[in-house]
């Protein structure tokens, strides 16, 4: 199943850090509606606030999952990712 990464910025004002961390269960449930599986989330120091890794069966499901992130007050830049081992196979004949 293809993997996708979302670089996420928080755009909504949350009352406190606990409220922000509490949304991940709701996000996981929303993504499952679109057949996307939230595999990992990371807090990020730097330009973005979070990194979200998910599996989705197809690009349309990844788009829908990205929109679901937006509904929770998050700006998400979602892209397909490829393990470097798989990249080596893809470029082998180049």
C-alpha atoms as a PDB file:
ATOM      1  CA  UNK A   1       0.000   0.000   0.000  1.00  0.00           C
ATOM      2  CA  UNK A   2       1.427   3.436  -0.891  1.00  0.00           C
ATOM      3  CA  UNK A   3       2.672   5.623   1.947  1.00  0.00           C
ATOM      4  CA  UNK A   4       2.017   9.330   2.264  1.00  0.00           C
ATOM      5  CA  UNK A   5       3.539  12.013   4.463  1.00  0.00           C
ATOM      6  CA  UNK A   6       1.813  15.213   5.520  1.00  0.00           C
ATOM      7  CA  UNK A   7       3.766  18.198   6.773  1.00  0.00           C
ATOM      8  CA  UNK A   8       1.332  19.891   9.119  1.00  0.00           C
ATOM      9  CA  UNK A   9       0.980  23.385  10.553  1.00  0.00           C
ATOM     10  CA  UNK A  10      -1.556  24.152  13.269  1.00  0.00           C
ATOM     11  CA  UNK A  11      -3.795  27.040  12.166  1.00  0.00           C
ATOM     12  CA  UNK A  12      -6.503  26.798  14.822  1.00  0.00           C
ATOM     13  CA  UNK A  13      -6.086  28.286  18.286  1.00  0.00           C
ATOM     14  CA  UNK A  14      -6.245  25.496  20.843  1.00  0.00           C
ATOM     15  CA  UNK A  15      -6.983  26.212  24.498  1.00  0.00           C
ATOM     16  CA  UNK A  16      -3.912  24.293  25.664  1.00  0.00           C
ATOM     17  CA  UNK A  17      -1.453  21.605  24.502  1.00  0.00           C
ATOM     18  CA  UNK A  18      -3.677  18.841  25.909  1.00  0.00           C
ATOM     19  CA  UNK A  19      -6.534  19.898  23.630  1.00  0.00           C
ATOM     20  CA  UNK A  20      -4.191  19.788  20.636  1.00  0.00           C
ATOM     21  CA  UNK A  21      -2.947  16.299  21.484  1.00  0.00           C
ATOM     22  CA  UNK A  22      -6.498  15.051  22.028  1.00  0.00           C
ATOM     23  CA  UNK A  23      -7.495  15.526  18.358  1.00  0.00           C
ATOM     24  CA  UNK A  24      -5.334  12.645  17.074  1.00  0.00           C
ATOM     25  CA  UNK A  25      -7.901   9.981  17.993  1.00  0.00           C
ATOM     26  CA  UNK A  26     -10.563  11.865  16.023  1.00  0.00           C
ATOM     27  CA  UNK A  27      -8.158  12.319  13.115  1.00  0.00           C
ATOM     28  CA  UNK A  28      -7.338   8.597  13.107  1.00  0.00           C
ATOM     29  CA  UNK A  29     -11.072   7.762  12.952  1.00  0.00           C
ATOM     30  CA  UNK A  30     -11.646  10.263  10.117  1.00  0.00           C
ATOM     31  CA  UNK A  31      -8.778   8.848   8.075  1.00  0.00           C
ATOM     32  CA  UNK A  32     -10.123   5.330   8.490  1.00  0.00           C
ATOM     33  CA  UNK A  33     -13.356   6.519   6.807  1.00  0.00           C
ATOM     34  CA  UNK A  34     -11.259   7.061   3.666  1.00  0.00           C
ATOM     35  CA  UNK A  35      -9.397   3.733   3.995  1.00  0.00           C
ATOM     36  CA  UNK A  36      -6.268   5.575   5.113  1.00  0.00           C
ATOM     37  CA  UNK A  37      -4.307   4.221   8.062  1.00  0.00           C
ATOM     38  CA  UNK A  38      -2.503   6.698  10.301  1.00  0.00           C
ATOM     39  CA  UNK A  39       0.763   4.873  10.992  1.00  0.00           C
ATOM     40  CA  UNK A  40       2.924   7.515  12.711  1.00  0.00           C
ATOM     41  CA  UNK A  41       2.768  11.084  13.958  1.00  0.00           C
ATOM     42  CA  UNK A  42       5.694  13.191  15.079  1.00  0.00           C
ATOM     43  CA  UNK A  43       5.977  16.631  16.628  1.00  0.00           C
ATOM     44  CA  UNK A  44       8.507  18.637  14.611  1.00  0.00           C
ATOM     45  CA  UNK A  45      10.853  21.429  15.627  1.00  0.00           C
ATOM     46  CA  UNK A  46      11.219  23.914  12.811  1.00  0.00           C
ATOM     47  CA  UNK A  47       9.068  25.102   9.944  1.00  0.00           C
ATOM     48  CA  UNK A  48       6.253  22.584  10.533  1.00  0.00           C
ATOM     49  CA  UNK A  49       4.462  21.502  13.697  1.00  0.00           C
ATOM     50  CA  UNK A  50       3.830  17.822  12.897  1.00  0.00           C
ATOM     51  CA  UNK A  51       4.750  15.065  10.468  1.00  0.00           C
ATOM     52  CA  UNK A  52       1.970  12.570   9.758  1.00  0.00           C
ATOM     53  CA  UNK A  53       2.695   9.250   8.020  1.00  0.00           C
ATOM     54  CA  UNK A  54      -0.221   7.259   6.613  1.00  0.00           C
ATOM     55  CA  UNK A  55      -0.953   4.376   4.298  1.00  0.00           C
ATOM     56  CA  UNK A  56      -3.672   4.797   1.688  1.00  0.00           C
ATOM     57  CA  UNK A  57      -4.735   2.378  -1.035  1.00  0.00           C
ATOM     58  CA  UNK A  58      -4.746   5.056  -3.732  1.00  0.00           C
ATOM     59  CA  UNK A  59      -4.079   8.726  -4.325  1.00  0.00           C
ATOM     60  CA  UNK A  60      -7.772   9.690  -4.032  1.00  0.00           C
ATOM     61  CA  UNK A  61      -7.889   8.284  -0.496  1.00  0.00           C
ATOM     62  CA  UNK A  62      -4.747  10.283   0.354  1.00  0.00           C
ATOM     63  CA  UNK A  63      -6.394  13.470  -0.957  1.00  0.00           C
ATOM     64  CA  UNK A  64      -9.457  12.791   1.167  1.00  0.00           C
ATOM     65  CA  UNK A  65      -7.273  12.122   4.194  1.00  0.00           C
ATOM     66  CA  UNK A  66      -5.459  15.429   3.637  1.00  0.00           C
ATOM     67  CA  UNK A  67      -8.795  17.239   3.560  1.00  0.00           C
ATOM     68  CA  UNK A  68      -9.789  15.469   6.779  1.00  0.00           C
ATOM     69  CA  UNK A  69      -6.652  16.883   8.449  1.00  0.00           C
ATOM     70  CA  UNK A  70      -7.686  20.361   7.310  1.00  0.00           C
ATOM     71  CA  UNK A  71     -11.103  19.973   8.967  1.00  0.00           C
ATOM     72  CA  UNK A  72      -9.334  19.682  12.325  1.00  0.00           C
ATOM     73  CA  UNK A  73      -7.692  23.094  12.070  1.00  0.00           C
ATOM     74  CA  UNK A  74      -4.476  21.842  10.493  1.00  0.00           C
ATOM     75  CA  UNK A  75      -2.815  22.965   7.265  1.00  0.00           C
ATOM     76  CA  UNK A  76      -1.402  19.883   5.582  1.00  0.00           C
ATOM     77  CA  UNK A  77       0.936  19.466   2.657  1.00  0.00           C
ATOM     78  CA  UNK A  78       0.533  15.811   1.686  1.00  0.00           C
ATOM     79  CA  UNK A  79       2.855  13.916  -0.634  1.00  0.00           C
ATOM     80  CA  UNK A  80       3.509  10.323  -1.617  1.00  0.00           C
ATOM     81  CA  UNK A  81       6.680   8.882  -0.129  1.00  0.00           C
ATOM     82  CA  UNK A  82       8.799   5.953  -1.239  1.00  0.00           C
ATOM     83  CA  UNK A  83      11.256   3.909   0.848  1.00  0.00           C
ATOM     84  CA  UNK A  84      14.799   4.436  -0.400  1.00  0.00           C
ATOM     85  CA  UNK A  85      15.175   0.686  -0.975  1.00  0.00           C
ATOM     86  CA  UNK A  86      12.250   0.843  -3.384  1.00  0.00           C
ATOM     87  CA  UNK A  87      13.674   3.948  -5.043  1.00  0.00           C
ATOM     88  CA  UNK A  88      16.847   1.986  -5.824  1.00  0.00           C
ATOM     89  CA  UNK A  89      14.694  -0.548  -7.729  1.00  0.00           C
ATOM     90  CA  UNK A  90      12.835   2.195  -9.594  1.00  0.00           C
ATOM     91  CA  UNK A  91      15.991   3.933 -10.828  1.00  0.00           C
ATOM     92  CA  UNK A  92      17.979   0.762 -11.472  1.00  0.00           C
ATOM     93  CA  UNK A  93      17.402   0.883 -15.239  1.00  0.00           C
ATOM     94  CA  UNK A  94      17.942   4.614 -15.619  1.00  0.00           C
END
